[in-house]
N, C-alpha and C. Protein backbone atom coordinates (compact mmCIF):
# COMPACT_ATOMS: atom_id res chain seq x y z
N MET A 1 -52.90 -176.22 104.42
CA MET A 1 -51.29 -176.05 103.32
C MET A 1 -51.69 -175.30 102.07
N LYS A 2 -52.38 -176.44 101.04
CA LYS A 2 -52.07 -174.99 100.22
C LYS A 2 -52.39 -173.33 100.41
N SER A 3 -54.10 -173.06 101.32
CA SER A 3 -54.06 -171.90 101.19
C SER A 3 -52.72 -171.08 102.01
N LYS A 4 -52.05 -171.59 103.06
CA LYS A 4 -50.77 -171.35 103.29
C LYS A 4 -49.53 -170.96 102.38
N THR A 5 -49.35 -171.96 101.26
CA THR A 5 -48.22 -171.46 100.19
C THR A 5 -48.78 -170.67 99.17
N ALA A 6 -50.32 -170.46 98.93
CA ALA A 6 -50.84 -169.31 98.25
C ALA A 6 -50.63 -167.65 98.87
N ILE A 7 -50.25 -167.99 100.31
CA ILE A 7 -50.49 -166.79 100.80
C ILE A 7 -49.11 -166.51 101.15
N VAL A 8 -47.86 -167.16 100.89
CA VAL A 8 -46.60 -166.86 100.91
C VAL A 8 -46.20 -166.78 99.37
N ILE A 9 -46.11 -167.00 98.77
CA ILE A 9 -46.38 -166.66 96.87
C ILE A 9 -47.16 -165.64 96.61
N ALA A 10 -47.88 -165.28 97.55
CA ALA A 10 -48.64 -163.68 97.17
C ALA A 10 -47.74 -162.88 97.83
N ILE A 11 -47.57 -163.12 98.41
CA ILE A 11 -46.25 -162.01 100.08
C ILE A 11 -45.35 -161.70 99.12
N VAL A 12 -44.82 -162.91 98.48
CA VAL A 12 -43.41 -163.25 98.04
C VAL A 12 -43.49 -161.90 96.26
N LEU A 13 -44.85 -162.24 95.83
CA LEU A 13 -44.90 -161.55 94.55
C LEU A 13 -44.85 -159.89 94.90
N ILE A 14 -45.65 -159.43 96.29
CA ILE A 14 -46.18 -158.20 96.37
C ILE A 14 -44.79 -157.66 96.62
N ILE A 15 -43.78 -158.12 97.32
CA ILE A 15 -42.73 -157.80 97.91
C ILE A 15 -41.72 -157.30 96.89
N VAL A 16 -41.73 -158.13 95.66
CA VAL A 16 -40.61 -158.19 94.29
C VAL A 16 -41.48 -157.00 93.83
N MET A 17 -42.86 -157.03 93.45
CA MET A 17 -43.45 -156.11 92.63
C MET A 17 -42.88 -154.11 93.31
N ALA A 18 -42.90 -154.55 95.19
CA ALA A 18 -43.17 -153.42 95.37
C ALA A 18 -41.29 -153.46 94.82
N GLY A 19 -40.55 -154.19 95.06
CA GLY A 19 -38.86 -153.46 95.01
C GLY A 19 -38.80 -152.92 93.50
N ILE A 20 -39.43 -153.64 92.35
CA ILE A 20 -39.33 -153.18 90.99
C ILE A 20 -39.44 -151.17 90.72
N SER A 21 -40.93 -152.10 92.04
CA SER A 21 -42.09 -150.21 91.56
C SER A 21 -41.02 -148.75 92.06
N VAL A 22 -40.17 -149.07 93.38
CA VAL A 22 -39.03 -148.40 93.91
C VAL A 22 -38.21 -147.90 92.53
N ASN A 23 -37.07 -149.20 92.05
CA ASN A 23 -36.18 -149.11 90.97
C ASN A 23 -36.90 -148.05 89.76
N ILE A 24 -37.97 -148.35 89.40
CA ILE A 24 -38.28 -147.89 88.74
C ILE A 24 -38.37 -146.20 88.87
N LEU A 25 -39.39 -145.90 89.62
CA LEU A 25 -39.56 -144.67 90.46
C LEU A 25 -38.29 -143.28 90.89
N ASN A 26 -37.72 -144.15 91.59
CA ASN A 26 -36.21 -143.81 92.03
C ASN A 26 -35.47 -144.45 91.69
N PRO A 27 -34.07 -144.02 90.56
CA PRO A 27 -33.27 -144.45 90.13
C PRO A 27 -32.34 -145.01 91.19
N SER A 28 -31.31 -144.97 90.91
CA SER A 28 -30.37 -145.55 92.36
C SER A 28 -29.46 -144.04 92.44
N SER A 29 -28.99 -144.29 93.38
CA SER A 29 -28.31 -142.22 93.78
C SER A 29 -27.12 -142.58 92.64
N ASP A 30 -26.86 -143.44 92.25
CA ASP A 30 -25.14 -143.10 91.50
C ASP A 30 -25.15 -142.69 90.03
N ASN A 31 -26.96 -142.53 90.07
CA ASN A 31 -27.78 -141.87 88.63
C ASN A 31 -28.00 -140.34 89.17
N SER A 32 -27.86 -139.91 90.09
CA SER A 32 -28.06 -139.15 90.30
C SER A 32 -27.84 -137.84 90.85
N ARG A 33 -26.66 -138.45 91.38
CA ARG A 33 -25.93 -137.47 91.97
C ARG A 33 -25.52 -135.95 91.12
N PRO A 34 -25.12 -135.32 91.26
CA PRO A 34 -24.86 -134.11 90.71
C PRO A 34 -23.30 -134.08 89.69
N GLU A 35 -22.63 -134.85 90.39
CA GLU A 35 -21.41 -134.81 89.70
C GLU A 35 -21.72 -136.08 88.80
N THR A 36 -22.29 -136.83 88.47
CA THR A 36 -22.30 -137.78 87.52
C THR A 36 -22.78 -137.01 86.01
N ILE A 37 -21.75 -137.26 85.37
CA ILE A 37 -21.76 -136.32 83.97
C ILE A 37 -21.82 -137.78 82.80
N LYS A 38 -22.63 -136.91 81.99
CA LYS A 38 -22.48 -138.13 80.87
C LYS A 38 -21.39 -137.71 79.82
N ARG A 39 -21.10 -139.01 79.53
CA ARG A 39 -19.87 -139.14 78.30
C ARG A 39 -19.88 -139.43 77.18
N HIS A 40 -19.52 -138.25 76.44
CA HIS A 40 -20.08 -138.80 74.90
C HIS A 40 -18.13 -139.46 74.59
N LEU A 41 -18.48 -140.36 73.52
CA LEU A 41 -17.72 -140.73 72.73
C LEU A 41 -17.05 -139.99 71.27
N TYR A 42 -15.98 -139.62 71.70
CA TYR A 42 -15.40 -138.84 70.51
C TYR A 42 -14.15 -139.11 69.82
N GLY A 43 -14.57 -139.71 68.57
CA GLY A 43 -13.39 -140.44 67.58
C GLY A 43 -13.26 -139.45 66.94
N LEU A 44 -11.58 -139.78 66.27
CA LEU A 44 -11.12 -138.94 65.27
C LEU A 44 -11.03 -139.79 64.24
N LYS A 45 -10.81 -139.34 63.03
CA LYS A 45 -11.19 -139.63 61.49
C LYS A 45 -9.62 -138.86 61.13
N VAL A 46 -8.69 -139.05 60.86
CA VAL A 46 -7.70 -138.73 59.72
C VAL A 46 -7.35 -138.74 58.47
N LEU A 47 -7.69 -137.96 57.43
CA LEU A 47 -8.18 -138.18 56.11
C LEU A 47 -7.22 -136.95 55.08
N GLN A 48 -6.75 -137.98 54.14
CA GLN A 48 -6.08 -137.93 53.11
C GLN A 48 -6.68 -137.12 51.78
N GLU A 49 -6.53 -135.81 51.69
CA GLU A 49 -7.42 -134.86 51.16
C GLU A 49 -6.81 -135.08 49.70
N GLY A 50 -5.06 -134.48 50.00
CA GLY A 50 -4.43 -134.95 48.03
C GLY A 50 -2.93 -135.44 48.29
N GLN A 51 -2.56 -135.21 47.87
CA GLN A 51 -1.35 -136.25 47.41
C GLN A 51 -0.01 -135.54 48.90
N ASP A 52 -0.32 -134.45 49.05
CA ASP A 52 0.62 -133.67 50.94
C ASP A 52 -0.80 -133.18 51.38
N THR A 53 -1.65 -133.43 51.29
CA THR A 53 -2.24 -132.43 52.70
C THR A 53 -3.70 -133.48 53.08
N TRP A 54 -3.89 -132.74 54.18
CA TRP A 54 -4.84 -133.74 54.81
C TRP A 54 -5.06 -133.07 56.17
N SER A 55 -6.95 -133.60 56.60
CA SER A 55 -7.54 -132.71 57.40
C SER A 55 -7.96 -133.86 58.48
N TYR A 56 -8.85 -133.43 59.09
CA TYR A 56 -9.00 -134.47 60.31
C TYR A 56 -11.11 -134.38 60.25
N GLU A 57 -11.50 -135.16 61.02
CA GLU A 57 -13.17 -134.93 61.33
C GLU A 57 -13.37 -135.87 62.64
N ILE A 58 -13.64 -134.88 63.14
CA ILE A 58 -14.36 -135.93 64.89
C ILE A 58 -15.64 -136.18 64.57
N TYR A 59 -15.49 -137.37 65.03
CA TYR A 59 -17.46 -137.99 65.45
C TYR A 59 -17.66 -138.25 66.89
N LEU A 60 -19.30 -137.46 66.99
CA LEU A 60 -19.44 -137.40 68.60
C LEU A 60 -20.87 -138.89 68.45
N ASP A 61 -20.61 -139.76 69.28
CA ASP A 61 -21.40 -140.97 69.29
C ASP A 61 -21.60 -141.20 67.94
N ASP A 62 -20.90 -141.34 67.13
CA ASP A 62 -20.85 -142.10 65.68
C ASP A 62 -21.54 -140.80 64.73
N HIS A 63 -21.62 -139.59 64.75
CA HIS A 63 -21.90 -138.90 64.65
C HIS A 63 -20.66 -137.83 64.07
N LEU A 64 -20.92 -137.63 63.00
CA LEU A 64 -20.17 -136.71 62.61
C LEU A 64 -20.48 -135.11 63.24
N TYR A 65 -19.35 -134.40 63.73
CA TYR A 65 -19.17 -133.31 64.29
C TYR A 65 -18.42 -132.28 64.59
N ILE A 66 -17.25 -132.44 63.57
CA ILE A 66 -16.52 -131.35 63.21
C ILE A 66 -15.73 -132.16 61.93
N LYS A 67 -15.84 -131.16 60.77
CA LYS A 67 -14.52 -131.17 59.72
C LYS A 67 -13.68 -130.59 59.76
N GLN A 68 -12.53 -130.56 59.55
CA GLN A 68 -11.88 -129.41 59.42
C GLN A 68 -11.17 -129.92 58.41
N THR A 69 -11.00 -129.20 57.63
CA THR A 69 -10.27 -128.78 56.62
C THR A 69 -8.52 -128.24 56.02
N TRP A 70 -8.59 -127.54 57.11
CA TRP A 70 -7.85 -126.26 57.13
C TRP A 70 -7.85 -126.35 58.42
N ILE A 71 -6.29 -125.65 58.65
CA ILE A 71 -5.41 -125.78 60.03
C ILE A 71 -6.52 -124.55 60.69
N PRO A 72 -6.50 -125.10 61.98
CA PRO A 72 -7.20 -123.88 62.88
C PRO A 72 -6.37 -122.86 63.31
N GLY A 73 -7.09 -121.96 63.97
CA GLY A 73 -6.32 -120.50 64.71
C GLY A 73 -5.36 -119.97 63.53
N ILE A 74 -5.35 -120.43 62.28
CA ILE A 74 -4.48 -118.81 61.48
C ILE A 74 -5.54 -118.50 60.08
N SER A 75 -4.64 -117.60 60.13
CA SER A 75 -5.83 -117.09 58.87
C SER A 75 -5.59 -118.09 57.78
N GLY A 76 -6.73 -117.27 56.44
CA GLY A 76 -6.23 -118.22 55.34
C GLY A 76 -6.26 -119.10 55.44
N LYS A 77 -6.62 -119.83 54.39
CA LYS A 77 -6.50 -121.65 53.85
C LYS A 77 -5.46 -122.07 53.79
N GLN A 78 -5.33 -122.77 55.26
CA GLN A 78 -3.71 -123.59 54.58
C GLN A 78 -3.86 -125.41 55.05
N LYS A 79 -3.78 -126.03 53.74
CA LYS A 79 -3.84 -127.45 54.41
C LYS A 79 -2.81 -128.11 54.85
N PHE A 80 -3.19 -129.13 56.52
CA PHE A 80 -2.30 -129.80 56.89
C PHE A 80 -1.17 -130.27 56.12
N ALA A 81 0.17 -130.29 56.19
CA ALA A 81 1.08 -130.42 55.35
C ALA A 81 1.18 -132.39 55.75
N SER A 82 0.80 -132.98 56.81
CA SER A 82 1.33 -134.24 56.91
C SER A 82 -0.12 -134.83 57.85
N GLU A 83 0.26 -136.19 57.51
CA GLU A 83 -0.83 -136.90 58.59
C GLU A 83 -0.70 -137.01 60.31
N VAL A 84 0.74 -136.91 60.17
CA VAL A 84 1.23 -136.69 61.94
C VAL A 84 0.66 -135.05 62.28
N ASP A 85 0.78 -134.12 61.46
CA ASP A 85 0.12 -132.41 61.76
C ASP A 85 -1.13 -132.78 62.26
N ALA A 86 -2.17 -133.18 61.34
CA ALA A 86 -3.68 -133.84 61.22
C ALA A 86 -4.06 -134.07 62.32
N ARG A 87 -3.08 -135.29 63.04
CA ARG A 87 -3.67 -135.91 64.01
C ARG A 87 -3.68 -135.13 65.15
N THR A 88 -2.28 -134.59 65.26
CA THR A 88 -2.11 -134.25 66.35
C THR A 88 -3.15 -133.10 66.62
N ILE A 89 -3.30 -132.37 65.86
CA ILE A 89 -4.07 -130.92 66.50
C ILE A 89 -5.73 -131.83 66.50
N GLY A 90 -6.12 -132.57 65.70
CA GLY A 90 -7.34 -133.14 66.13
C GLY A 90 -7.05 -133.71 67.22
N ASP A 91 -6.14 -134.72 67.67
CA ASP A 91 -6.27 -135.20 69.01
C ASP A 91 -6.43 -134.26 70.33
N LEU A 92 -5.69 -133.30 69.53
CA LEU A 92 -6.03 -131.86 70.93
C LEU A 92 -7.14 -131.30 70.90
N MET A 93 -7.73 -131.15 70.22
CA MET A 93 -9.40 -130.79 69.78
C MET A 93 -10.20 -132.00 70.81
N VAL A 94 -9.92 -133.40 70.71
CA VAL A 94 -10.47 -134.75 71.69
C VAL A 94 -10.53 -134.16 72.96
N GLN A 95 -9.11 -134.01 73.04
CA GLN A 95 -9.12 -134.48 74.72
C GLN A 95 -9.87 -132.54 75.44
N LYS A 96 -9.59 -131.40 74.28
CA LYS A 96 -10.61 -130.20 74.35
C LYS A 96 -12.32 -130.38 74.59
N LEU A 97 -12.75 -131.43 73.99
CA LEU A 97 -13.86 -131.71 74.22
C LEU A 97 -14.68 -132.54 75.17
N ASP A 98 -13.86 -133.80 75.16
CA ASP A 98 -13.95 -134.96 76.27
C ASP A 98 -13.71 -133.78 77.92
N ASN A 99 -12.56 -132.76 77.93
CA ASN A 99 -12.92 -132.06 79.40
C ASN A 99 -13.51 -131.07 79.16
N GLY A 100 -14.61 -131.13 78.20
CA GLY A 100 -15.58 -129.80 78.36
C GLY A 100 -15.43 -128.73 78.09
N ASP A 101 -13.63 -128.22 77.42
CA ASP A 101 -12.99 -126.93 77.35
C ASP A 101 -13.57 -127.00 75.72
N ILE A 102 -14.34 -125.18 75.17
CA ILE A 102 -14.06 -124.91 73.61
C ILE A 102 -12.76 -125.21 73.06
N PRO A 103 -13.94 -125.51 72.44
CA PRO A 103 -12.26 -126.45 71.06
C PRO A 103 -12.36 -125.75 69.87
N SER A 104 -11.11 -124.70 70.06
CA SER A 104 -10.77 -124.20 69.74
C SER A 104 -9.23 -124.10 69.20
N ILE A 105 -8.28 -124.16 69.15
CA ILE A 105 -6.87 -123.75 68.62
C ILE A 105 -6.60 -121.94 68.23
N SER A 106 -4.98 -122.39 68.65
CA SER A 106 -4.55 -120.61 69.33
C SER A 106 -2.98 -120.67 68.36
N LYS A 107 -2.83 -119.97 67.26
CA LYS A 107 -1.37 -120.19 66.68
C LYS A 107 -0.40 -121.00 68.20
N GLN A 108 -0.56 -120.36 69.19
CA GLN A 108 0.61 -120.75 70.20
C GLN A 108 0.49 -121.88 70.17
N GLU A 109 -0.57 -122.79 70.52
CA GLU A 109 -0.78 -124.38 70.17
C GLU A 109 0.08 -124.75 68.90
N LEU A 110 -0.50 -123.97 67.85
CA LEU A 110 0.13 -124.83 66.84
C LEU A 110 2.39 -124.95 66.56
N ASP A 111 2.15 -124.06 67.12
CA ASP A 111 3.48 -123.47 67.39
C ASP A 111 4.41 -124.55 68.53
N GLU A 112 3.66 -125.02 69.32
CA GLU A 112 3.43 -125.58 70.66
C GLU A 112 3.93 -127.26 70.00
N ASN A 113 3.34 -127.69 68.99
CA ASN A 113 3.29 -128.84 68.82
C ASN A 113 3.89 -129.04 67.29
N ARG A 114 4.53 -128.19 67.14
CA ARG A 114 5.36 -127.46 65.83
C ARG A 114 4.45 -128.17 64.66
N ILE A 115 3.48 -127.50 64.27
CA ILE A 115 2.87 -127.92 63.44
C ILE A 115 3.16 -127.06 62.34
N THR A 116 3.68 -127.84 61.25
CA THR A 116 3.44 -126.97 59.92
C THR A 116 3.00 -125.91 59.09
N TYR A 117 2.49 -124.75 59.03
CA TYR A 117 2.35 -123.82 58.12
C TYR A 117 2.85 -122.85 58.05
N LYS A 118 1.91 -122.06 57.18
CA LYS A 118 3.20 -120.33 56.88
C LYS A 118 2.79 -119.73 57.35
N LYS A 119 3.72 -118.78 58.29
CA LYS A 119 3.68 -117.79 59.11
C LYS A 119 3.58 -116.10 58.14
């Protein structure tokens, strides 16, 4: 009787070990499908630079990725005049990064979002 129990335990252990080995050597199909894309976590932080000027920082997986102290998409160095302006453009940049688009801003996008800047 003891030998039958030992045999059953040995078979169960072999089956469990084989299952673990298969999972380690051949991950599940959900992780290996071509359409599965690792998503980064982008975060936005809006900062007050002076009494009436603002900037933003974008973080990638909790590491500083972009520090934007000037309004992008225009010539010259102009600061954001409001927290709302900085947040609006920062959110647009995060959206582009999340979508895999090139993170750039055009004058048209500034105007469409009613961002205050000297033209």
